Amino acid sequence: MVGGGEGVTVRHADLTRHPMIELPIYNRDGRQVDVMSIDESTLGGEVRFALLKQAYVVTHGNQRQGSSRTRNRGRVEGSTRKLYKQKGTGNARAGTVRTNLRKGGGVAFAKVRGREAFRTSLTKKMRRLANRNALLAKLVDGEVKCFDQLSFTAPRTKEFAAVLGAVGIDRTCLVALAKENLNGFRSARNLEGVNCSRIDQLNAFDLLNHRFLVTDRSSLESFLSGACFAGSTASAEDAR
């Protein structure tokens, strides 16, 4: 606190304070019932667009099958017999019909790259930050719809569609729930434009590929704290 003249007090901003995101919590009827405060610093503090693009391109490239091929002369069907004798015909010398000089023959420099030829990777710190930063981008844009609970006693696709409609979701969305919530997954997976993911497998590629993220409070809290990664097949390092 610094004096700013007679009767005037000037307060310095608290540089250690991190901005908070106030995320509305809805019930199944679409009414806001609570607010969840999320510290931006736990998700990277700011949206890093270059990092998100790099993470997206790397993941997209790693999904390539790598099965496209062009055939060299050894892979083309055809006889290996010499077409005609070497001398005395007046024609140019010719060997097999599979030569790259003839129509239907092999390719001179065939492409034989497999899937591994297209694979790239990010460092652990970059991958962790990209996953959380993508969630931050969704929160900043108001594209995260969080419910107090999304548990079902049995698969109910019609009920889940009503839940999405109650909060105005009319575009593609990614439903991320705890792995134990099987009825929640089964209720959402048959809806058009809806894809499902376990909360411990949430990644930047899936988040950026969908307009909305739909989750429940307990699942989101477990992702932010890292609790959902305990004993999971997904690496805890990917989101911390």
C-alpha atoms as a PDB file:
ATOM      1  CA  MET A   1       0.000   0.000   0.000  1.00  0.00           C
ATOM      2  CA  VAL A   2       1.512   3.333  -1.067  1.00  0.00           C
ATOM      3  CA  GLY A   3       0.360   6.880  -0.224  1.00  0.00           C
ATOM      4  CA  GLY A   4      -0.972   8.721  -3.238  1.00  0.00           C
ATOM      5  CA  GLY A   5      -1.346  12.224  -1.807  1.00  0.00           C
ATOM      6  CA  GLU A   6      -3.399  13.619   1.060  1.00  0.00           C
ATOM      7  CA  GLY A   7      -6.384  11.428   1.766  1.00  0.00           C
ATOM      8  CA  VAL A   8      -5.573   9.147  -1.191  1.00  0.00           C
ATOM      9  CA  THR A   9      -4.478   5.534  -0.882  1.00  0.00           C
ATOM     10  CA  VAL A  10      -3.161   3.513  -3.830  1.00  0.00           C
ATOM     11  CA  ARG A  11      -3.139  -0.285  -3.614  1.00  0.00           C
ATOM     12  CA  HIS A  12      -0.782  -2.367  -5.717  1.00  0.00           C
ATOM     13  CA  ALA A  13      -2.313  -5.296  -7.549  1.00  0.00           C
ATOM     14  CA  ASP A  14      -1.627  -8.693  -6.032  1.00  0.00           C
ATOM     15  CA  LEU A  15       0.756 -10.174  -8.579  1.00  0.00           C
ATOM     16  CA  THR A  16       0.493 -13.636  -7.020  1.00  0.00           C
ATOM     17  CA  ARG A  17      -3.256 -13.850  -7.570  1.00  0.00           C
ATOM     18  CA  HIS A  18      -4.343 -16.054 -10.461  1.00  0.00           C
ATOM     19  CA  PRO A  19      -7.582 -15.376 -12.366  1.00  0.00           C
ATOM     20  CA  MET A  20     -10.409 -17.804 -11.750  1.00  0.00           C
ATOM     21  CA  ILE A  21     -12.918 -19.166 -14.232  1.00  0.00           C
ATOM     22  CA  GLU A  22     -16.468 -19.421 -12.945  1.00  0.00           C
ATOM     23  CA  LEU A  23     -17.981 -22.510 -14.592  1.00  0.00           C
ATOM     24  CA  PRO A  24     -21.769 -22.887 -14.254  1.00  0.00           C
ATOM     25  CA  ILE A  25     -23.030 -26.243 -12.995  1.00  0.00           C
ATOM     26  CA  TYR A  26     -26.361 -27.379 -14.463  1.00  0.00           C
ATOM     27  CA  ASN A  27     -28.897 -29.977 -13.510  1.00  0.00           C
ATOM     28  CA  ARG A  28     -30.553 -32.204 -16.100  1.00  0.00           C
ATOM     29  CA  ASP A  29     -33.304 -29.662 -16.679  1.00  0.00           C
ATOM     30  CA  GLY A  30     -30.741 -27.088 -17.840  1.00  0.00           C
ATOM     31  CA  ARG A  31     -31.055 -24.862 -14.750  1.00  0.00           C
ATOM     32  CA  GLN A  32     -27.903 -23.532 -13.127  1.00  0.00           C
ATOM     33  CA  VAL A  33     -27.609 -24.923  -9.615  1.00  0.00           C
ATOM     34  CA  ASP A  34     -24.035 -24.037  -8.667  1.00  0.00           C
ATOM     35  CA  VAL A  35     -20.771 -22.491  -9.830  1.00  0.00           C
ATOM     36  CA  MET A  36     -17.378 -24.186  -9.936  1.00  0.00           C
ATOM     37  CA  SER A  37     -14.248 -22.019  -9.630  1.00  0.00           C
ATOM     38  CA  ILE A  38     -11.258 -23.174 -11.686  1.00  0.00           C
ATOM     39  CA  ASP A  39      -7.801 -21.629 -11.382  1.00  0.00           C
ATOM     40  CA  GLU A  40      -6.440 -20.863 -14.857  1.00  0.00           C
ATOM     41  CA  SER A  41      -2.883 -21.482 -13.680  1.00  0.00           C
ATOM     42  CA  THR A  42      -3.645 -25.199 -13.243  1.00  0.00           C
ATOM     43  CA  LEU A  43      -4.441 -25.343 -16.975  1.00  0.00           C
ATOM     44  CA  GLY A  44      -1.446 -23.375 -18.220  1.00  0.00           C
ATOM     45  CA  GLY A  45      -2.529 -19.830 -17.389  1.00  0.00           C
ATOM     46  CA  GLU A  46      -3.034 -18.813 -21.017  1.00  0.00           C
ATOM     47  CA  VAL A  47      -4.079 -20.422 -24.286  1.00  0.00           C
ATOM     48  CA  ARG A  48      -1.010 -21.358 -26.342  1.00  0.00           C
ATOM     49  CA  PHE A  49      -2.307 -21.585 -29.893  1.00  0.00           C
ATOM     50  CA  ALA A  50       0.981 -22.731 -31.429  1.00  0.00           C
ATOM     51  CA  LEU A  51       1.237 -25.597 -28.950  1.00  0.00           C
ATOM     52  CA  LEU A  52      -2.355 -26.669 -29.579  1.00  0.00           C
ATOM     53  CA  LYS A  53      -1.786 -26.725 -33.318  1.00  0.00           C
ATOM     54  CA  GLN A  54       1.398 -28.757 -32.917  1.00  0.00           C
ATOM     55  CA  ALA A  55      -0.358 -31.263 -30.645  1.00  0.00           C
ATOM     56  CA  TYR A  56      -3.241 -31.561 -33.112  1.00  0.00           C
ATOM     57  CA  VAL A  57      -0.956 -32.136 -36.118  1.00  0.00           C
ATOM     58  CA  VAL A  58       1.149 -34.720 -34.266  1.00  0.00           C
ATOM     59  CA  THR A  59      -1.877 -36.710 -33.089  1.00  0.00           C
ATOM     60  CA  HIS A  60      -3.515 -36.530 -36.511  1.00  0.00           C
ATOM     61  CA  GLY A  61      -0.366 -37.770 -38.237  1.00  0.00           C
ATOM     62  CA  ASN A  62       0.046 -40.624 -35.790  1.00  0.00           C
ATOM     63  CA  GLN A  63      -3.396 -41.921 -36.750  1.00  0.00           C
ATOM     64  CA  ARG A  64      -2.388 -42.491 -40.373  1.00  0.00           C
ATOM     65  CA  GLN A  65      -2.558 -46.101 -41.486  1.00  0.00           C
ATOM     66  CA  GLY A  66       0.536 -45.808 -43.646  1.00  0.00           C
ATOM     67  CA  SER A  67      -0.884 -48.444 -45.981  1.00  0.00           C
ATOM     68  CA  SER A  68      -0.663 -46.622 -49.329  1.00  0.00           C
ATOM     69  CA  ARG A  69       1.805 -48.259 -51.700  1.00  0.00           C
ATOM     70  CA  THR A  70       3.105 -47.941 -55.227  1.00  0.00           C
ATOM     71  CA  ARG A  71       4.387 -51.147 -56.829  1.00  0.00           C
ATOM     72  CA  ASN A  72       7.905 -51.616 -58.029  1.00  0.00           C
ATOM     73  CA  ARG A  73       8.690 -54.120 -60.784  1.00  0.00           C
ATOM     74  CA  GLY A  74       8.965 -56.915 -58.246  1.00  0.00           C
ATOM     75  CA  ARG A  75       5.388 -56.377 -57.049  1.00  0.00           C
ATOM     76  CA  VAL A  76       3.700 -56.111 -60.447  1.00  0.00           C
ATOM     77  CA  GLU A  77       2.109 -59.253 -61.842  1.00  0.00           C
ATOM     78  CA  GLY A  78       3.564 -60.530 -65.078  1.00  0.00           C
ATOM     79  CA  SER A  79       5.959 -63.026 -66.588  1.00  0.00           C
ATOM     80  CA  THR A  80       9.693 -62.765 -66.127  1.00  0.00           C
ATOM     81  CA  ARG A  81      10.250 -64.191 -69.607  1.00  0.00           C
ATOM     82  CA  LYS A  82      12.333 -62.126 -71.986  1.00  0.00           C
ATOM     83  CA  LEU A  83       9.920 -60.653 -74.534  1.00  0.00           C
ATOM     84  CA  TYR A  84      12.001 -61.514 -77.590  1.00  0.00           C
ATOM     85  CA  LYS A  85      15.529 -62.417 -78.452  1.00  0.00           C
ATOM     86  CA  GLN A  86      18.287 -59.919 -77.871  1.00  0.00           C
ATOM     87  CA  LYS A  87      19.425 -59.499 -81.468  1.00  0.00           C
ATOM     88  CA  GLY A  88      18.075 -59.758 -84.965  1.00  0.00           C
ATOM     89  CA  THR A  89      14.620 -58.248 -84.545  1.00  0.00           C
ATOM     90  CA  GLY A  90      15.470 -54.636 -85.288  1.00  0.00           C
ATOM     91  CA  ASN A  91      13.820 -53.548 -82.047  1.00  0.00           C
ATOM     92  CA  ALA A  92      15.435 -52.083 -78.998  1.00  0.00           C
ATOM     93  CA  ARG A  93      16.619 -54.553 -76.414  1.00  0.00           C
ATOM     94  CA  ALA A  94      13.840 -55.624 -74.022  1.00  0.00           C
ATOM     95  CA  GLY A  95      13.694 -57.839 -70.991  1.00  0.00           C
ATOM     96  CA  THR A  96      10.699 -58.470 -68.734  1.00  0.00           C
ATOM     97  CA  VAL A  97       7.286 -56.937 -69.364  1.00  0.00           C
ATOM     98  CA  ARG A  98       7.284 -55.625 -65.794  1.00  0.00           C
ATOM     99  CA  THR A  99       9.926 -53.002 -66.477  1.00  0.00           C
ATOM    100  CA  ASN A 100       9.043 -49.433 -65.519  1.00  0.00           C
ATOM    101  CA  LEU A 101       9.502 -48.371 -69.163  1.00  0.00           C
ATOM    102  CA  ARG A 102       6.342 -50.159 -70.265  1.00  0.00           C
ATOM    103  CA  LYS A 103       2.697 -49.401 -69.603  1.00  0.00           C
ATOM    104  CA  GLY A 104       1.470 -51.449 -66.668  1.00  0.00           C
ATOM    105  CA  GLY A 105       4.978 -52.012 -65.405  1.00  0.00           C
ATOM    106  CA  GLY A 106       6.382 -51.232 -62.001  1.00  0.00           C
ATOM    107  CA  VAL A 107       7.328 -47.827 -60.610  1.00  0.00           C
ATOM    108  CA  ALA A 108      10.996 -46.938 -60.662  1.00  0.00           C
ATOM    109  CA  PHE A 109      11.112 -45.446 -57.159  1.00  0.00           C
ATOM    110  CA  ALA A 110       8.164 -47.052 -55.377  1.00  0.00           C
ATOM    111  CA  LYS A 111       6.857 -45.628 -52.108  1.00  0.00           C
ATOM    112  CA  VAL A 112       6.952 -48.274 -49.432  1.00  0.00           C
ATOM    113  CA  ARG A 113       6.752 -46.176 -46.252  1.00  0.00           C
ATOM    114  CA  GLY A 114       4.811 -47.784 -43.437  1.00  0.00           C
ATOM    115  CA  ARG A 115       2.941 -46.324 -40.507  1.00  0.00           C
ATOM    116  CA  GLU A 116       6.069 -45.673 -38.467  1.00  0.00           C
ATOM    117  CA  ALA A 117       7.430 -43.396 -41.176  1.00  0.00           C
ATOM    118  CA  PHE A 118       4.698 -40.850 -40.388  1.00  0.00           C
ATOM    119  CA  ARG A 119       4.886 -40.989 -36.594  1.00  0.00           C
ATOM    120  CA  THR A 120       6.119 -38.026 -34.584  1.00  0.00           C
ATOM    121  CA  SER A 121       5.896 -37.231 -30.896  1.00  0.00           C
ATOM    122  CA  LEU A 122       5.747 -34.457 -28.334  1.00  0.00           C
ATOM    123  CA  THR A 123       7.786 -34.243 -25.172  1.00  0.00           C
ATOM    124  CA  LYS A 124       5.984 -35.207 -21.975  1.00  0.00           C
ATOM    125  CA  LYS A 125       5.755 -31.629 -20.727  1.00  0.00           C
ATOM    126  CA  MET A 126       4.362 -30.416 -24.047  1.00  0.00           C
ATOM    127  CA  ARG A 127       1.767 -33.202 -24.191  1.00  0.00           C
ATOM    128  CA  ARG A 128       0.643 -32.598 -20.608  1.00  0.00           C
ATOM    129  CA  LEU A 129       0.352 -28.868 -21.142  1.00  0.00           C
ATOM    130  CA  ALA A 130      -1.454 -29.243 -24.489  1.00  0.00           C
ATOM    131  CA  ASN A 131      -4.121 -31.495 -22.974  1.00  0.00           C
ATOM    132  CA  ARG A 132      -4.867 -29.047 -20.186  1.00  0.00           C
ATOM    133  CA  ASN A 133      -4.495 -26.009 -22.410  1.00  0.00           C
ATOM    134  CA  ALA A 134      -7.140 -27.348 -24.786  1.00  0.00           C
ATOM    135  CA  LEU A 135      -9.523 -27.606 -21.833  1.00  0.00           C
ATOM    136  CA  LEU A 136      -8.657 -24.029 -20.880  1.00  0.00           C
ATOM    137  CA  ALA A 137      -9.515 -22.868 -24.408  1.00  0.00           C
ATOM    138  CA  LYS A 138     -12.919 -24.548 -24.120  1.00  0.00           C
ATOM    139  CA  LEU A 139     -13.555 -22.946 -20.744  1.00  0.00           C
ATOM    140  CA  VAL A 140     -12.591 -19.480 -21.980  1.00  0.00           C
ATOM    141  CA  ASP A 141     -14.960 -19.807 -24.957  1.00  0.00           C
ATOM    142  CA  GLY A 142     -17.826 -21.062 -22.776  1.00  0.00           C
ATOM    143  CA  GLU A 143     -17.945 -24.418 -24.553  1.00  0.00           C
ATOM    144  CA  VAL A 144     -17.822 -26.648 -21.465  1.00  0.00           C
ATOM    145  CA  LYS A 145     -21.202 -27.838 -20.183  1.00  0.00           C
ATOM    146  CA  CYS A 146     -20.835 -29.333 -16.727  1.00  0.00           C
ATOM    147  CA  PHE A 147     -23.677 -31.094 -14.910  1.00  0.00           C
ATOM    148  CA  ASP A 148     -24.058 -31.919 -11.242  1.00  0.00           C
ATOM    149  CA  GLN A 149     -24.378 -35.604 -12.201  1.00  0.00           C
ATOM    150  CA  LEU A 150     -24.866 -37.710 -15.325  1.00  0.00           C
ATOM    151  CA  SER A 151     -25.496 -41.148 -13.874  1.00  0.00           C
ATOM    152  CA  PHE A 152     -28.261 -43.393 -15.223  1.00  0.00           C
ATOM    153  CA  THR A 153     -29.781 -46.532 -13.751  1.00  0.00           C
ATOM    154  CA  ALA A 154     -29.952 -47.954 -17.290  1.00  0.00           C
ATOM    155  CA  PRO A 155     -28.950 -46.741 -20.786  1.00  0.00           C
ATOM    156  CA  ARG A 156     -31.367 -43.960 -21.788  1.00  0.00           C
ATOM    157  CA  THR A 157     -30.451 -42.381 -25.126  1.00  0.00           C
ATOM    158  CA  LYS A 158     -33.637 -40.292 -25.265  1.00  0.00           C
ATOM    159  CA  GLU A 159     -33.006 -38.880 -21.792  1.00  0.00           C
ATOM    160  CA  PHE A 160     -29.419 -38.008 -22.641  1.00  0.00           C
ATOM    161  CA  ALA A 161     -30.556 -36.209 -25.813  1.00  0.00           C
ATOM    162  CA  ALA A 162     -32.955 -34.162 -23.675  1.00  0.00           C
ATOM    163  CA  VAL A 163     -30.111 -33.270 -21.314  1.00  0.00           C
ATOM    164  CA  LEU A 164     -28.024 -31.951 -24.209  1.00  0.00           C
ATOM    165  CA  GLY A 165     -30.953 -30.000 -25.596  1.00  0.00           C
ATOM    166  CA  ALA A 166     -31.632 -28.410 -22.207  1.00  0.00           C
ATOM    167  CA  VAL A 167     -28.280 -26.560 -22.295  1.00  0.00           C
ATOM    168  CA  GLY A 168     -28.509 -25.613 -25.965  1.00  0.00           C
ATOM    169  CA  ILE A 169     -26.018 -28.051 -27.496  1.00  0.00           C
ATOM    170  CA  ASP A 170     -26.696 -28.074 -31.232  1.00  0.00           C
ATOM    171  CA  ARG A 171     -23.236 -28.894 -32.562  1.00  0.00           C
ATOM    172  CA  THR A 172     -20.746 -31.729 -32.150  1.00  0.00           C
ATOM    173  CA  CYS A 173     -19.847 -32.550 -28.580  1.00  0.00           C
ATOM    174  CA  LEU A 174     -17.471 -34.781 -26.668  1.00  0.00           C
ATOM    175  CA  VAL A 175     -18.873 -36.554 -23.615  1.00  0.00           C
ATOM    176  CA  ALA A 176     -16.142 -37.216 -21.046  1.00  0.00           C
ATOM    177  CA  LEU A 177     -17.120 -39.253 -17.998  1.00  0.00           C
ATOM    178  CA  ALA A 178     -15.521 -41.469 -15.400  1.00  0.00           C
ATOM    179  CA  LYS A 179     -14.759 -44.967 -16.638  1.00  0.00           C
ATOM    180  CA  GLU A 180     -17.188 -46.447 -14.089  1.00  0.00           C
ATOM    181  CA  ASN A 181     -20.161 -44.591 -15.612  1.00  0.00           C
ATOM    182  CA  LEU A 182     -20.992 -47.238 -18.217  1.00  0.00           C
ATOM    183  CA  ASN A 183     -24.674 -46.324 -18.484  1.00  0.00           C
ATOM    184  CA  GLY A 184     -23.711 -42.732 -19.202  1.00  0.00           C
ATOM    185  CA  PHE A 185     -21.514 -43.831 -22.104  1.00  0.00           C
ATOM    186  CA  ARG A 186     -24.170 -46.180 -23.457  1.00  0.00           C
ATOM    187  CA  SER A 187     -26.781 -43.427 -23.269  1.00  0.00           C
ATOM    188  CA  ALA A 188     -24.673 -40.994 -25.325  1.00  0.00           C
ATOM    189  CA  ARG A 189     -22.835 -43.139 -27.857  1.00  0.00           C
ATOM    190  CA  ASN A 190     -25.727 -43.568 -30.335  1.00  0.00           C
ATOM    191  CA  LEU A 191     -26.478 -39.846 -30.664  1.00  0.00           C
ATOM    192  CA  GLU A 192     -25.507 -38.127 -33.902  1.00  0.00           C
ATOM    193  CA  GLY A 193     -22.547 -35.779 -33.568  1.00  0.00           C
ATOM    194  CA  VAL A 194     -21.681 -37.116 -30.112  1.00  0.00           C
ATOM    195  CA  ASN A 195     -18.483 -38.977 -29.245  1.00  0.00           C
ATOM    196  CA  CYS A 196     -17.497 -40.427 -25.898  1.00  0.00           C
ATOM    197  CA  SER A 197     -14.210 -40.483 -24.036  1.00  0.00           C
ATOM    198  CA  ARG A 198     -13.082 -41.535 -20.601  1.00  0.00           C
ATOM    199  CA  ILE A 199     -12.085 -38.513 -18.548  1.00  0.00           C
ATOM    200  CA  ASP A 200      -8.631 -39.990 -17.912  1.00  0.00           C
ATOM    201  CA  GLN A 201      -8.110 -40.259 -21.703  1.00  0.00           C
ATOM    202  CA  LEU A 202      -9.126 -36.683 -22.503  1.00  0.00           C
ATOM    203  CA  ASN A 203      -6.685 -35.135 -24.971  1.00  0.00           C
ATOM    204  CA  ALA A 204      -6.179 -31.992 -27.037  1.00  0.00           C
ATOM    205  CA  PHE A 205      -7.058 -33.660 -30.362  1.00  0.00           C
ATOM    206  CA  ASP A 206     -10.500 -34.821 -29.222  1.00  0.00           C
ATOM    207  CA  LEU A 207     -11.258 -31.528 -27.486  1.00  0.00           C
ATOM    208  CA  LEU A 208     -10.381 -29.450 -30.543  1.00  0.00           C
ATOM    209  CA  ASN A 209     -12.352 -31.752 -32.844  1.00  0.00           C
ATOM    210  CA  HIS A 210     -15.647 -31.015 -31.063  1.00  0.00           C
ATOM    211  CA  ARG A 211     -17.481 -27.782 -30.363  1.00  0.00           C
ATOM    212  CA  PHE A 212     -18.664 -28.659 -26.853  1.00  0.00           C
ATOM    213  CA  LEU A 213     -17.347 -30.693 -23.954  1.00  0.00           C
ATOM    214  CA  VAL A 214     -19.995 -32.348 -21.769  1.00  0.00           C
ATOM    215  CA  THR A 215     -18.998 -33.745 -18.407  1.00  0.00           C
ATOM    216  CA  ASP A 216     -20.133 -33.940 -14.798  1.00  0.00           C
ATOM    217  CA  ARG A 217     -18.664 -32.209 -11.786  1.00  0.00           C
ATOM    218  CA  SER A 218     -17.003 -35.212 -10.179  1.00  0.00           C
ATOM    219  CA  SER A 219     -15.294 -36.235 -13.441  1.00  0.00           C
ATOM    220  CA  LEU A 220     -13.998 -32.729 -14.106  1.00  0.00           C
ATOM    221  CA  GLU A 221     -12.684 -32.374 -10.563  1.00  0.00           C
ATOM    222  CA  SER A 222     -10.881 -35.704 -10.831  1.00  0.00           C
ATOM    223  CA  PHE A 223      -9.216 -34.544 -14.070  1.00  0.00           C
ATOM    224  CA  LEU A 224      -8.095 -31.242 -12.581  1.00  0.00           C
ATOM    225  CA  SER A 225      -6.697 -32.904  -9.460  1.00  0.00           C
ATOM    226  CA  GLY A 226      -5.211 -35.883 -11.321  1.00  0.00           C
ATOM    227  CA  ALA A 227      -7.160 -38.373  -9.199  1.00  0.00           C
ATOM    228  CA  CYS A 228      -8.699 -40.062 -12.262  1.00  0.00           C
ATOM    229  CA  PHE A 229      -5.262 -41.245 -13.408  1.00  0.00           C
ATOM    230  CA  ALA A 230      -4.554 -43.392 -10.353  1.00  0.00           C
ATOM    231  CA  GLY A 231      -4.458 -47.013 -11.517  1.00  0.00           C
ATOM    232  CA  SER A 232      -5.551 -46.038 -15.025  1.00  0.00           C
ATOM    233  CA  THR A 233      -4.178 -47.418 -18.295  1.00  0.00           C
ATOM    234  CA  ALA A 234      -3.777 -43.821 -19.420  1.00  0.00           C
ATOM    235  CA  SER A 235      -0.603 -42.231 -18.117  1.00  0.00           C
ATOM    236  CA  ALA A 236      -1.007 -39.707 -15.324  1.00  0.00           C
ATOM    237  CA  GLU A 237       1.825 -37.755 -16.862  1.00  0.00           C
ATOM    238  CA  ASP A 238      -0.334 -36.861 -19.870  1.00  0.00           C
ATOM    239  CA  ALA A 239      -2.490 -34.427 -17.948  1.00  0.00           C
ATOM    240  CA  ARG A 240      -0.265 -33.080 -15.173  1.00  0.00           C
END
